[in-house]
Amino acid sequence: MEINQILGFKPKDIKYFRKAFTHRSMNIKDSEGNAINYERLEFLGDAMLSAVIASHLYLEVPSGDEGYLTKMRSKIVSREHLNELGKDLGLITLVESKIPKGQFGDNIHGNLFEALVGAIF
């Protein structure tokens, strides 16, 4: 599977998408010595998902109070749910790693999903 198939379009700048699927075990650095892997994009994607879901809930659930909206957002962006989304998309097939794919824990799926969102952003 290729990123184009998952996204439904061909990204103009593929470098962020390559980074989104590069595991730290590859031990790649840029010219300034910064690690090239998905972890920073995962951080960004996590924040973006939370913000987008919060905005959606705010607009679509006008009767929801802060506590209810927070609970709903937490369920939607839960590790379990993100892992499921990453698995459904088959993101593990795109990861570049020195670790065999079968040795990753379940969280790799959600991590890759968040990194993908970060790359899209």
PDB file of N, CA and C in Angstrom:
ATOM      1  N   MET A   1       0.845  -1.177   0.000  1.00  0.00           N
ATOM      2  CA  MET A   1       0.000   0.000   0.000  1.00  0.00           C
ATOM      3  C   MET A   1       0.893   1.245   0.000  1.00  0.00           C
ATOM      4  N   GLU A   2       0.433   2.297  -0.652  1.00  0.00           N
ATOM      5  CA  GLU A   2       1.172   3.545  -0.709  1.00  0.00           C
ATOM      6  C   GLU A   2       0.364   4.656  -0.059  1.00  0.00           C
ATOM      7  N   ILE A   3       1.057   5.719   0.325  1.00  0.00           N
ATOM      8  CA  ILE A   3       0.401   6.840   0.998  1.00  0.00           C
ATOM      9  C   ILE A   3      -0.694   7.443   0.124  1.00  0.00           C
ATOM     10  N   ASN A   4      -0.494   7.467  -1.190  1.00  0.00           N
ATOM     11  CA  ASN A   4      -1.507   8.003  -2.107  1.00  0.00           C
ATOM     12  C   ASN A   4      -2.826   7.250  -1.977  1.00  0.00           C
ATOM     13  N   GLN A   5      -2.747   5.930  -1.799  1.00  0.00           N
ATOM     14  CA  GLN A   5      -3.956   5.113  -1.676  1.00  0.00           C
ATOM     15  C   GLN A   5      -4.689   5.419  -0.375  1.00  0.00           C
ATOM     16  N   ILE A   6      -3.947   5.650   0.690  1.00  0.00           N
ATOM     17  CA  ILE A   6      -4.562   5.948   1.982  1.00  0.00           C
ATOM     18  C   ILE A   6      -5.208   7.324   1.967  1.00  0.00           C
ATOM     19  N   LEU A   7      -4.489   8.310   1.427  1.00  0.00           N
ATOM     20  CA  LEU A   7      -4.976   9.687   1.424  1.00  0.00           C
ATOM     21  C   LEU A   7      -6.016   9.959   0.345  1.00  0.00           C
ATOM     22  N   GLY A   8      -5.919   9.235  -0.761  1.00  0.00           N
ATOM     23  CA  GLY A   8      -6.812   9.504  -1.882  1.00  0.00           C
ATOM     24  C   GLY A   8      -6.300  10.619  -2.778  1.00  0.00           C
ATOM     25  N   PHE A   9      -5.083  11.075  -2.536  1.00  0.00           N
ATOM     26  CA  PHE A   9      -4.442  12.080  -3.381  1.00  0.00           C
ATOM     27  C   PHE A   9      -2.932  11.940  -3.241  1.00  0.00           C
ATOM     28  N   LYS A  10      -2.213  12.555  -4.174  1.00  0.00           N
ATOM     29  CA  LYS A  10      -0.750  12.507  -4.124  1.00  0.00           C
ATOM     30  C   LYS A  10      -0.248  13.787  -3.455  1.00  0.00           C
ATOM     31  N   PRO A  11       0.429  13.659  -2.310  1.00  0.00           N
ATOM     32  CA  PRO A  11       0.936  14.855  -1.628  1.00  0.00           C
ATOM     33  C   PRO A  11       1.965  15.596  -2.487  1.00  0.00           C
ATOM     34  N   LYS A  12       1.916  16.933  -2.440  1.00  0.00           N
ATOM     35  CA  LYS A  12       2.880  17.747  -3.181  1.00  0.00           C
ATOM     36  C   LYS A  12       4.273  17.612  -2.581  1.00  0.00           C
ATOM     37  N   ASP A  13       4.346  17.628  -1.252  1.00  0.00           N
ATOM     38  CA  ASP A  13       5.638  17.543  -0.563  1.00  0.00           C
ATOM     39  C   ASP A  13       5.655  16.260   0.261  1.00  0.00           C
ATOM     40  N   ILE A  14       6.289  15.247  -0.262  1.00  0.00           N
ATOM     41  CA  ILE A  14       6.266  13.915   0.348  1.00  0.00           C
ATOM     42  C   ILE A  14       7.160  13.803   1.582  1.00  0.00           C
ATOM     43  N   LYS A  15       8.069  14.772   1.813  1.00  0.00           N
ATOM     44  CA  LYS A  15       9.052  14.618   2.891  1.00  0.00           C
ATOM     45  C   LYS A  15       8.404  14.448   4.264  1.00  0.00           C
ATOM     46  N   TYR A  16       7.315  15.164   4.533  1.00  0.00           N
ATOM     47  CA  TYR A  16       6.658  15.016   5.833  1.00  0.00           C
ATOM     48  C   TYR A  16       6.008  13.645   5.967  1.00  0.00           C
ATOM     49  N   PHE A  17       5.509  13.126   4.877  1.00  0.00           N
ATOM     50  CA  PHE A  17       4.873  11.811   4.910  1.00  0.00           C
ATOM     51  C   PHE A  17       5.914  10.708   5.078  1.00  0.00           C
ATOM     52  N   ARG A  18       7.084  10.895   4.482  1.00  0.00           N
ATOM     53  CA  ARG A  18       8.171   9.930   4.711  1.00  0.00           C
ATOM     54  C   ARG A  18       8.573   9.938   6.179  1.00  0.00           C
ATOM     55  N   LYS A  19       8.689  11.140   6.726  1.00  0.00           N
ATOM     56  CA  LYS A  19       9.062  11.275   8.134  1.00  0.00           C
ATOM     57  C   LYS A  19       7.988  10.646   9.032  1.00  0.00           C
ATOM     58  N   ALA A  20       6.718  10.790   8.646  1.00  0.00           N
ATOM     59  CA  ALA A  20       5.603  10.263   9.441  1.00  0.00           C
ATOM     60  C   ALA A  20       5.649   8.748   9.579  1.00  0.00           C
ATOM     61  N   PHE A  21       6.387   8.086   8.695  1.00  0.00           N
ATOM     62  CA  PHE A  21       6.465   6.628   8.737  1.00  0.00           C
ATOM     63  C   PHE A  21       7.886   6.122   8.950  1.00  0.00           C
ATOM     64  N   THR A  22       8.748   6.981   9.489  1.00  0.00           N
ATOM     65  CA  THR A  22      10.117   6.585   9.807  1.00  0.00           C
ATOM     66  C   THR A  22      10.241   6.386  11.313  1.00  0.00           C
ATOM     67  N   HIS A  23      10.501   5.163  11.725  1.00  0.00           N
ATOM     68  CA  HIS A  23      10.660   4.824  13.142  1.00  0.00           C
ATOM     69  C   HIS A  23      12.040   5.264  13.619  1.00  0.00           C
ATOM     70  N   ARG A  24      12.135   5.609  14.880  1.00  0.00           N
ATOM     71  CA  ARG A  24      13.415   6.094  15.416  1.00  0.00           C
ATOM     72  C   ARG A  24      14.532   5.059  15.341  1.00  0.00           C
ATOM     73  N   SER A  25      14.187   3.789  15.216  1.00  0.00           N
ATOM     74  CA  SER A  25      15.215   2.746  15.104  1.00  0.00           C
ATOM     75  C   SER A  25      16.066   2.916  13.843  1.00  0.00           C
ATOM     76  N   MET A  26      15.570   3.683  12.883  1.00  0.00           N
ATOM     77  CA  MET A  26      16.340   3.947  11.665  1.00  0.00           C
ATOM     78  C   MET A  26      17.537   4.850  11.962  1.00  0.00           C
ATOM     79  N   ASN A  27      17.459   5.592  13.074  1.00  0.00           N
ATOM     80  CA  ASN A  27      18.558   6.430  13.556  1.00  0.00           C
ATOM     81  C   ASN A  27      19.076   7.385  12.471  1.00  0.00           C
ATOM     82  N   ILE A  28      18.153   8.093  11.827  1.00  0.00           N
ATOM     83  CA  ILE A  28      18.503   9.044  10.771  1.00  0.00           C
ATOM     84  C   ILE A  28      18.510  10.452  11.366  1.00  0.00           C
ATOM     85  N   LYS A  29      19.487  11.243  10.964  1.00  0.00           N
ATOM     86  CA  LYS A  29      19.601  12.634  11.424  1.00  0.00           C
ATOM     87  C   LYS A  29      19.673  13.558  10.205  1.00  0.00           C
ATOM     88  N   ASP A  30      19.192  14.791  10.392  1.00  0.00           N
ATOM     89  CA  ASP A  30      19.334  15.776   9.323  1.00  0.00           C
ATOM     90  C   ASP A  30      20.702  16.449   9.431  1.00  0.00           C
ATOM     91  N   SER A  31      20.948  17.438   8.594  1.00  0.00           N
ATOM     92  CA  SER A  31      22.259  18.090   8.553  1.00  0.00           C
ATOM     93  C   SER A  31      22.599  18.837   9.843  1.00  0.00           C
ATOM     94  N   GLU A  32      21.588  19.129  10.653  1.00  0.00           N
ATOM     95  CA  GLU A  32      21.808  19.821  11.926  1.00  0.00           C
ATOM     96  C   GLU A  32      21.843  18.853  13.105  1.00  0.00           C
ATOM     97  N   GLY A  33      21.759  17.571  12.828  1.00  0.00           N
ATOM     98  CA  GLY A  33      21.814  16.565  13.880  1.00  0.00           C
ATOM     99  C   GLY A  33      20.480  16.248  14.533  1.00  0.00           C
ATOM    100  N   ASN A  34      19.384  16.764  13.981  1.00  0.00           N
ATOM    101  CA  ASN A  34      18.052  16.485  14.519  1.00  0.00           C
ATOM    102  C   ASN A  34      17.547  15.143  14.002  1.00  0.00           C
ATOM    103  N   ALA A  35      16.902  14.407  14.887  1.00  0.00           N
ATOM    104  CA  ALA A  35      16.365  13.097  14.519  1.00  0.00           C
ATOM    105  C   ALA A  35      15.279  13.241  13.459  1.00  0.00           C
ATOM    106  N   ILE A  36      15.308  12.349  12.495  1.00  0.00           N
ATOM    107  CA  ILE A  36      14.257  12.282  11.475  1.00  0.00           C
ATOM    108  C   ILE A  36      13.451  11.018  11.755  1.00  0.00           C
ATOM    109  N   ASN A  37      12.297  11.208  12.400  1.00  0.00           N
ATOM    110  CA  ASN A  37      11.374  10.110  12.677  1.00  0.00           C
ATOM    111  C   ASN A  37       9.995  10.696  12.934  1.00  0.00           C
ATOM    112  N   TYR A  38       9.039   9.841  13.195  1.00  0.00           N
ATOM    113  CA  TYR A  38       7.654  10.286  13.300  1.00  0.00           C
ATOM    114  C   TYR A  38       7.280  10.926  14.633  1.00  0.00           C
ATOM    115  N   GLU A  39       8.141  10.931  15.618  1.00  0.00           N
ATOM    116  CA  GLU A  39       7.736  11.331  16.962  1.00  0.00           C
ATOM    117  C   GLU A  39       7.269  12.781  17.069  1.00  0.00           C
ATOM    118  N   ARG A  40       7.933  13.719  16.417  1.00  0.00           N
ATOM    119  CA  ARG A  40       7.490  15.119  16.480  1.00  0.00           C
ATOM    120  C   ARG A  40       6.169  15.309  15.722  1.00  0.00           C
ATOM    121  N   LEU A  41       6.024  14.634  14.598  1.00  0.00           N
ATOM    122  CA  LEU A  41       4.755  14.705  13.871  1.00  0.00           C
ATOM    123  C   LEU A  41       3.635  14.048  14.669  1.00  0.00           C
ATOM    124  N   GLU A  42       3.958  13.022  15.420  1.00  0.00           N
ATOM    125  CA  GLU A  42       2.978  12.371  16.302  1.00  0.00           C
ATOM    126  C   GLU A  42       2.475  13.381  17.336  1.00  0.00           C
ATOM    127  N   PHE A  43       3.398  14.148  17.917  1.00  0.00           N
ATOM    128  CA  PHE A  43       3.054  15.193  18.887  1.00  0.00           C
ATOM    129  C   PHE A  43       2.104  16.214  18.253  1.00  0.00           C
ATOM    130  N   LEU A  44       2.454  16.685  17.062  1.00  0.00           N
ATOM    131  CA  LEU A  44       1.632  17.668  16.359  1.00  0.00           C
ATOM    132  C   LEU A  44       0.266  17.090  16.009  1.00  0.00           C
ATOM    133  N   GLY A  45       0.255  15.872  15.491  1.00  0.00           N
ATOM    134  CA  GLY A  45      -1.003  15.228  15.122  1.00  0.00           C
ATOM    135  C   GLY A  45      -1.926  15.027  16.305  1.00  0.00           C
ATOM    136  N   ASP A  46      -1.364  14.667  17.450  1.00  0.00           N
ATOM    137  CA  ASP A  46      -2.140  14.499  18.678  1.00  0.00           C
ATOM    138  C   ASP A  46      -2.836  15.810  19.043  1.00  0.00           C
ATOM    139  N   ALA A  47      -2.082  16.905  18.996  1.00  0.00           N
ATOM    140  CA  ALA A  47      -2.647  18.214  19.330  1.00  0.00           C
ATOM    141  C   ALA A  47      -3.712  18.633  18.322  1.00  0.00           C
ATOM    142  N   MET A  48      -3.465  18.383  17.041  1.00  0.00           N
ATOM    143  CA  MET A  48      -4.422  18.763  16.006  1.00  0.00           C
ATOM    144  C   MET A  48      -5.720  17.956  16.121  1.00  0.00           C
ATOM    145  N   LEU A  49      -5.588  16.658  16.350  1.00  0.00           N
ATOM    146  CA  LEU A  49      -6.786  15.821  16.524  1.00  0.00           C
ATOM    147  C   LEU A  49      -7.631  16.320  17.683  1.00  0.00           C
ATOM    148  N   SER A  50      -6.983  16.600  18.790  1.00  0.00           N
ATOM    149  CA  SER A  50      -7.702  17.068  19.973  1.00  0.00           C
ATOM    150  C   SER A  50      -8.423  18.383  19.682  1.00  0.00           C
ATOM    151  N   ALA A  51      -7.747  19.310  19.008  1.00  0.00           N
ATOM    152  CA  ALA A  51      -8.350  20.607  18.695  1.00  0.00           C
ATOM    153  C   ALA A  51      -9.511  20.470  17.707  1.00  0.00           C
ATOM    154  N   VAL A  52      -9.332  19.668  16.673  1.00  0.00           N
ATOM    155  CA  VAL A  52     -10.381  19.503  15.661  1.00  0.00           C
ATOM    156  C   VAL A  52     -11.603  18.815  16.261  1.00  0.00           C
ATOM    157  N   ILE A  53     -11.378  17.785  17.058  1.00  0.00           N
ATOM    158  CA  ILE A  53     -12.496  17.079  17.698  1.00  0.00           C
ATOM    159  C   ILE A  53     -13.202  17.999  18.688  1.00  0.00           C
ATOM    160  N   ALA A  54     -12.450  18.779  19.454  1.00  0.00           N
ATOM    161  CA  ALA A  54     -13.052  19.724  20.403  1.00  0.00           C
ATOM    162  C   ALA A  54     -13.924  20.733  19.660  1.00  0.00           C
ATOM    163  N   SER A  55     -13.429  21.260  18.557  1.00  0.00           N
ATOM    164  CA  SER A  55     -14.190  22.222  17.765  1.00  0.00           C
ATOM    165  C   SER A  55     -15.463  21.590  17.206  1.00  0.00           C
ATOM    166  N   HIS A  56     -15.326  20.385  16.680  1.00  0.00           N
ATOM    167  CA  HIS A  56     -16.486  19.681  16.125  1.00  0.00           C
ATOM    168  C   HIS A  56     -17.552  19.452  17.205  1.00  0.00           C
ATOM    169  N   LEU A  57     -17.128  18.968  18.352  1.00  0.00           N
ATOM    170  CA  LEU A  57     -18.082  18.720  19.437  1.00  0.00           C
ATOM    171  C   LEU A  57     -18.734  20.020  19.907  1.00  0.00           C
ATOM    172  N   TYR A  58     -17.958  21.073  20.013  1.00  0.00           N
ATOM    173  CA  TYR A  58     -18.480  22.375  20.436  1.00  0.00           C
ATOM    174  C   TYR A  58     -19.590  22.840  19.493  1.00  0.00           C
ATOM    175  N   LEU A  59     -19.358  22.682  18.206  1.00  0.00           N
ATOM    176  CA  LEU A  59     -20.330  23.134  17.213  1.00  0.00           C
ATOM    177  C   LEU A  59     -21.525  22.197  17.066  1.00  0.00           C
ATOM    178  N   GLU A  60     -21.295  20.898  17.178  1.00  0.00           N
ATOM    179  CA  GLU A  60     -22.344  19.917  16.902  1.00  0.00           C
ATOM    180  C   GLU A  60     -23.149  19.479  18.122  1.00  0.00           C
ATOM    181  N   VAL A  61     -22.654  19.769  19.317  1.00  0.00           N
ATOM    182  CA  VAL A  61     -23.360  19.369  20.543  1.00  0.00           C
ATOM    183  C   VAL A  61     -23.566  20.618  21.412  1.00  0.00           C
ATOM    184  N   PRO A  62     -24.466  21.516  20.988  1.00  0.00           N
ATOM    185  CA  PRO A  62     -24.645  22.778  21.706  1.00  0.00           C
ATOM    186  C   PRO A  62     -25.166  22.612  23.135  1.00  0.00           C
ATOM    187  N   SER A  63     -25.803  21.496  23.418  1.00  0.00           N
ATOM    188  CA  SER A  63     -26.332  21.278  24.770  1.00  0.00           C
ATOM    189  C   SER A  63     -25.301  20.657  25.710  1.00  0.00           C
ATOM    190  N   GLY A  64     -24.146  20.254  25.185  1.00  0.00           N
ATOM    191  CA  GLY A  64     -23.135  19.595  26.011  1.00  0.00           C
ATOM    192  C   GLY A  64     -22.373  20.585  26.878  1.00  0.00           C
ATOM    193  N   ASP A  65     -22.275  20.265  28.166  1.00  0.00           N
ATOM    194  CA  ASP A  65     -21.465  21.122  29.036  1.00  0.00           C
ATOM    195  C   ASP A  65     -19.993  20.714  28.934  1.00  0.00           C
ATOM    196  N   GLU A  66     -19.120  21.455  29.605  1.00  0.00           N
ATOM    197  CA  GLU A  66     -17.682  21.218  29.505  1.00  0.00           C
ATOM    198  C   GLU A  66     -17.302  19.782  29.856  1.00  0.00           C
ATOM    199  N   GLY A  67     -17.874  19.269  30.934  1.00  0.00           N
ATOM    200  CA  GLY A  67     -17.555  17.910  31.366  1.00  0.00           C
ATOM    201  C   GLY A  67     -17.945  16.869  30.334  1.00  0.00           C
ATOM    202  N   TYR A  68     -19.139  17.007  29.774  1.00  0.00           N
ATOM    203  CA  TYR A  68     -19.615  16.062  28.765  1.00  0.00           C
ATOM    204  C   TYR A  68     -18.743  16.126  27.512  1.00  0.00           C
ATOM    205  N   LEU A  69     -18.463  17.349  27.050  1.00  0.00           N
ATOM    206  CA  LEU A  69     -17.648  17.512  25.843  1.00  0.00           C
ATOM    207  C   LEU A  69     -16.245  16.948  26.044  1.00  0.00           C
ATOM    208  N   THR A  70     -15.692  17.146  27.230  1.00  0.00           N
ATOM    209  CA  THR A  70     -14.361  16.610  27.538  1.00  0.00           C
ATOM    210  C   THR A  70     -14.372  15.090  27.503  1.00  0.00           C
ATOM    211  N   LYS A  71     -15.413  14.484  28.089  1.00  0.00           N
ATOM    212  CA  LYS A  71     -15.530  13.016  28.076  1.00  0.00           C
ATOM    213  C   LYS A  71     -15.638  12.480  26.657  1.00  0.00           C
ATOM    214  N   MET A  72     -16.452  13.137  25.856  1.00  0.00           N
ATOM    215  CA  MET A  72     -16.639  12.702  24.467  1.00  0.00           C
ATOM    216  C   MET A  72     -15.330  12.822  23.684  1.00  0.00           C
ATOM    217  N   ARG A  73     -14.638  13.947  23.846  1.00  0.00           N
ATOM    218  CA  ARG A  73     -13.365  14.126  23.140  1.00  0.00           C
ATOM    219  C   ARG A  73     -12.372  13.054  23.566  1.00  0.00           C
ATOM    220  N   SER A  74     -12.326  12.774  24.867  1.00  0.00           N
ATOM    221  CA  SER A  74     -11.396  11.761  25.380  1.00  0.00           C
ATOM    222  C   SER A  74     -11.671  10.389  24.779  1.00  0.00           C
ATOM    223  N   LYS A  75     -12.938  10.041  24.623  1.00  0.00           N
ATOM    224  CA  LYS A  75     -13.283   8.750  24.020  1.00  0.00           C
ATOM    225  C   LYS A  75     -12.864   8.691  22.552  1.00  0.00           C
ATOM    226  N   ILE A  76     -13.091   9.786  21.845  1.00  0.00           N
ATOM    227  CA  ILE A  76     -12.790   9.806  20.412  1.00  0.00           C
ATOM    228  C   ILE A  76     -11.289   9.740  20.156  1.00  0.00           C
ATOM    229  N   VAL A  77     -10.498  10.457  20.945  1.00  0.00           N
ATOM    230  CA  VAL A  77      -9.044  10.486  20.718  1.00  0.00           C
ATOM    231  C   VAL A  77      -8.295   9.539  21.655  1.00  0.00           C
ATOM    232  N   SER A  78      -9.000   8.549  22.179  1.00  0.00           N
ATOM    233  CA  SER A  78      -8.355   7.581  23.080  1.00  0.00           C
ATOM    234  C   SER A  78      -7.324   6.753  22.319  1.00  0.00           C
ATOM    235  N   ARG A  79      -6.342   6.282  23.032  1.00  0.00           N
ATOM    236  CA  ARG A  79      -5.287   5.451  22.433  1.00  0.00           C
ATOM    237  C   ARG A  79      -5.909   4.245  21.734  1.00  0.00           C
ATOM    238  N   GLU A  80      -6.885   3.611  22.389  1.00  0.00           N
ATOM    239  CA  GLU A  80      -7.541   2.428  21.816  1.00  0.00           C
ATOM    240  C   GLU A  80      -8.194   2.750  20.468  1.00  0.00           C
ATOM    241  N   HIS A  81      -8.899   3.873  20.413  1.00  0.00           N
ATOM    242  CA  HIS A  81      -9.590   4.260  19.180  1.00  0.00           C
ATOM    243  C   HIS A  81      -8.593   4.622  18.080  1.00  0.00           C
ATOM    244  N   LEU A  82      -7.540   5.359  18.425  1.00  0.00           N
ATOM    245  CA  LEU A  82      -6.532   5.732  17.424  1.00  0.00           C
ATOM    246  C   LEU A  82      -5.781   4.504  16.914  1.00  0.00           C
ATOM    247  N   ASN A  83      -5.514   3.549  17.809  1.00  0.00           N
ATOM    248  CA  ASN A  83      -4.880   2.292  17.380  1.00  0.00           C
ATOM    249  C   ASN A  83      -5.758   1.575  16.358  1.00  0.00           C
ATOM    250  N   GLU A  84      -7.046   1.561  16.624  1.00  0.00           N
ATOM    251  CA  GLU A  84      -7.999   0.909  15.720  1.00  0.00           C
ATOM    252  C   GLU A  84      -8.010   1.600  14.348  1.00  0.00           C
ATOM    253  N   LEU A  85      -8.005   2.929  14.350  1.00  0.00           N
ATOM    254  CA  LEU A  85      -7.987   3.674  13.086  1.00  0.00           C
ATOM    255  C   LEU A  85      -6.707   3.395  12.300  1.00  0.00           C
ATOM    256  N   GLY A  86      -5.577   3.400  13.000  1.00  0.00           N
ATOM    257  CA  GLY A  86      -4.299   3.116  12.343  1.00  0.00           C
ATOM    258  C   GLY A  86      -4.256   1.717  11.753  1.00  0.00           C
ATOM    259  N   LYS A  87      -4.819   0.747  12.492  1.00  0.00           N
ATOM    260  CA  LYS A  87      -4.881  -0.639  11.986  1.00  0.00           C
ATOM    261  C   LYS A  87      -5.770  -0.721  10.754  1.00  0.00           C
ATOM    262  N   ASP A  88      -6.946  -0.096  10.838  1.00  0.00           N
ATOM    263  CA  ASP A  88      -7.895  -0.138   9.720  1.00  0.00           C
ATOM    264  C   ASP A  88      -7.296   0.440   8.437  1.00  0.00           C
ATOM    265  N   LEU A  89      -6.455   1.450   8.574  1.00  0.00           N
ATOM    266  CA  LEU A  89      -5.816   2.070   7.413  1.00  0.00           C
ATOM    267  C   LEU A  89      -4.590   1.298   6.927  1.00  0.00           C
ATOM    268  N   GLY A  90      -4.125   0.352   7.741  1.00  0.00           N
ATOM    269  CA  GLY A  90      -2.948  -0.432   7.365  1.00  0.00           C
ATOM    270  C   GLY A  90      -1.658   0.369   7.387  1.00  0.00           C
ATOM    271  N   LEU A  91      -1.572   1.338   8.289  1.00  0.00           N
ATOM    272  CA  LEU A  91      -0.409   2.225   8.321  1.00  0.00           C
ATOM    273  C   LEU A  91       0.895   1.499   8.621  1.00  0.00           C
ATOM    274  N   ILE A  92       0.828   0.395   9.344  1.00  0.00           N
ATOM    275  CA  ILE A  92       2.041  -0.350   9.702  1.00  0.00           C
ATOM    276  C   ILE A  92       2.785  -0.820   8.447  1.00  0.00           C
ATOM    277  N   THR A  93       2.069  -1.002   7.358  1.00  0.00           N
ATOM    278  CA  THR A  93       2.721  -1.463   6.126  1.00  0.00           C
ATOM    279  C   THR A  93       3.654  -0.405   5.548  1.00  0.00           C
ATOM    280  N   LEU A  94       3.489   0.850   5.962  1.00  0.00           N
ATOM    281  CA  LEU A  94       4.301   1.948   5.432  1.00  0.00           C
ATOM    282  C   LEU A  94       5.516   2.280   6.289  1.00  0.00           C
ATOM    283  N   VAL A  95       5.577   1.739   7.505  1.00  0.00           N
ATOM    284  CA  VAL A  95       6.645   2.137   8.432  1.00  0.00           C
ATOM    285  C   VAL A  95       8.006   1.608   7.990  1.00  0.00           C
ATOM    286  N   GLU A  96       9.007   2.481   8.104  1.00  0.00           N
ATOM    287  CA  GLU A  96      10.392   2.094   7.865  1.00  0.00           C
ATOM    288  C   GLU A  96      11.039   1.926   9.229  1.00  0.00           C
ATOM    289  N   SER A  97      11.558   0.729   9.493  1.00  0.00           N
ATOM    290  CA  SER A  97      12.095   0.424  10.812  1.00  0.00           C
ATOM    291  C   SER A  97      13.126  -0.680  10.718  1.00  0.00           C
ATOM    292  N   LYS A  98      14.032  -0.682  11.673  1.00  0.00           N
ATOM    293  CA  LYS A  98      14.981  -1.794  11.778  1.00  0.00           C
ATOM    294  C   LYS A  98      14.405  -2.893  12.665  1.00  0.00           C
ATOM    295  N   ILE A  99      13.257  -2.621  13.262  1.00  0.00           N
ATOM    296  CA  ILE A  99      12.554  -3.588  14.101  1.00  0.00           C
ATOM    297  C   ILE A  99      11.524  -4.301  13.224  1.00  0.00           C
ATOM    298  N   PRO A 100      11.463  -5.627  13.271  1.00  0.00           N
ATOM    299  CA  PRO A 100      10.439  -6.336  12.491  1.00  0.00           C
ATOM    300  C   PRO A 100       9.029  -5.870  12.883  1.00  0.00           C
ATOM    301  N   LYS A 101       8.180  -5.682  11.910  1.00  0.00           N
ATOM    302  CA  LYS A 101       6.831  -5.152  12.151  1.00  0.00           C
ATOM    303  C   LYS A 101       6.043  -5.962  13.174  1.00  0.00           C
ATOM    304  N   GLY A 102       6.274  -7.256  13.236  1.00  0.00           N
ATOM    305  CA  GLY A 102       5.562  -8.111  14.179  1.00  0.00           C
ATOM    306  C   GLY A 102       5.960  -7.899  15.627  1.00  0.00           C
ATOM    307  N   GLN A 103       7.030  -7.158  15.873  1.00  0.00           N
ATOM    308  CA  GLN A 103       7.503  -6.946  17.240  1.00  0.00           C
ATOM    309  C   GLN A 103       7.006  -5.640  17.857  1.00  0.00           C
ATOM    310  N   PHE A 104       6.284  -4.842  17.097  1.00  0.00           N
ATOM    311  CA  PHE A 104       5.736  -3.603  17.646  1.00  0.00           C
ATOM    312  C   PHE A 104       4.529  -3.907  18.521  1.00  0.00           C
ATOM    313  N   GLY A 105       4.303  -3.088  19.523  1.00  0.00           N
ATOM    314  CA  GLY A 105       3.086  -3.180  20.320  1.00  0.00           C
ATOM    315  C   GLY A 105       1.932  -2.533  19.560  1.00  0.00           C
ATOM    316  N   ASP A 106       0.729  -2.654  20.093  1.00  0.00           N
ATOM    317  CA  ASP A 106      -0.457  -2.098  19.436  1.00  0.00           C
ATOM    318  C   ASP A 106      -0.398  -0.585  19.267  1.00  0.00           C
ATOM    319  N   ASN A 107       0.296   0.111  20.163  1.00  0.00           N
ATOM    320  CA  ASN A 107       0.300   1.571  20.106  1.00  0.00           C
ATOM    321  C   ASN A 107       0.963   2.138  18.859  1.00  0.00           C
ATOM    322  N   ILE A 108       1.742   1.349  18.166  1.00  0.00           N
ATOM    323  CA  ILE A 108       2.376   1.832  16.934  1.00  0.00           C
ATOM    324  C   ILE A 108       1.323   2.309  15.937  1.00  0.00           C
ATOM    325  N   HIS A 109       0.178   1.657  15.916  1.00  0.00           N
ATOM    326  CA  HIS A 109      -0.883   2.007  14.967  1.00  0.00           C
ATOM    327  C   HIS A 109      -1.425   3.411  15.236  1.00  0.00           C
ATOM    328  N   GLY A 110      -1.714   3.693  16.496  1.00  0.00           N
ATOM    329  CA  GLY A 110      -2.196   5.025  16.866  1.00  0.00           C
ATOM    330  C   GLY A 110      -1.121   6.082  16.707  1.00  0.00           C
ATOM    331  N   ASN A 111       0.122   5.731  17.032  1.00  0.00           N
ATOM    332  CA  ASN A 111       1.233   6.671  16.865  1.00  0.00           C
ATOM    333  C   ASN A 111       1.381   7.072  15.402  1.00  0.00           C
ATOM    334  N   LEU A 112       1.292   6.092  14.517  1.00  0.00           N
ATOM    335  CA  LEU A 112       1.403   6.376  13.085  1.00  0.00           C
ATOM    336  C   LEU A 112       0.217   7.197  12.589  1.00  0.00           C
ATOM    337  N   PHE A 113      -0.963   6.931  13.128  1.00  0.00           N
ATOM    338  CA  PHE A 113      -2.137   7.718  12.743  1.00  0.00           C
ATOM    339  C   PHE A 113      -1.941   9.180  13.132  1.00  0.00           C
ATOM    340  N   GLU A 114      -1.469   9.412  14.365  1.00  0.00           N
ATOM    341  CA  GLU A 114      -1.220  10.784  14.812  1.00  0.00           C
ATOM    342  C   GLU A 114      -0.142  11.449  13.957  1.00  0.00           C
ATOM    343  N   ALA A 115       0.914  10.719  13.628  1.00  0.00           N
ATOM    344  CA  ALA A 115       1.981  11.268  12.783  1.00  0.00           C
ATOM    345  C   ALA A 115       1.449  11.614  11.392  1.00  0.00           C
ATOM    346  N   LEU A 116       0.566  10.777  10.867  1.00  0.00           N
ATOM    347  CA  LEU A 116      -0.049  11.053   9.568  1.00  0.00           C
ATOM    348  C   LEU A 116      -0.852  12.349   9.626  1.00  0.00           C
ATOM    349  N   VAL A 117      -1.635  12.524  10.677  1.00  0.00           N
ATOM    350  CA  VAL A 117      -2.406  13.762  10.846  1.00  0.00           C
ATOM    351  C   VAL A 117      -1.455  14.957  10.931  1.00  0.00           C
ATOM    352  N   GLY A 118      -0.359  14.802  11.664  1.00  0.00           N
ATOM    353  CA  GLY A 118       0.638  15.866  11.748  1.00  0.00           C
ATOM    354  C   GLY A 118       1.223  16.206  10.388  1.00  0.00           C
ATOM    355  N   ALA A 119       1.486  15.204   9.575  1.00  0.00           N
ATOM    356  CA  ALA A 119       2.031  15.426   8.230  1.00  0.00           C
ATOM    357  C   ALA A 119       1.013  16.126   7.333  1.00  0.00           C
ATOM    358  N   ILE A 120      -0.245  15.768   7.470  1.00  0.00           N
ATOM    359  CA  ILE A 120      -1.300  16.408   6.679  1.00  0.00           C
ATOM    360  C   ILE A 120      -1.425  17.877   7.064  1.00  0.00           C
ATOM    361  N   PHE A 121      -1.332  18.154   8.353  1.00  0.00           N
ATOM    362  CA  PHE A 121      -1.441  19.530   8.838  1.00  0.00           C
ATOM    363  C   PHE A 121      -0.327  20.386   8.271  1.00  0.00           C
TER     364      PHE A 121
END
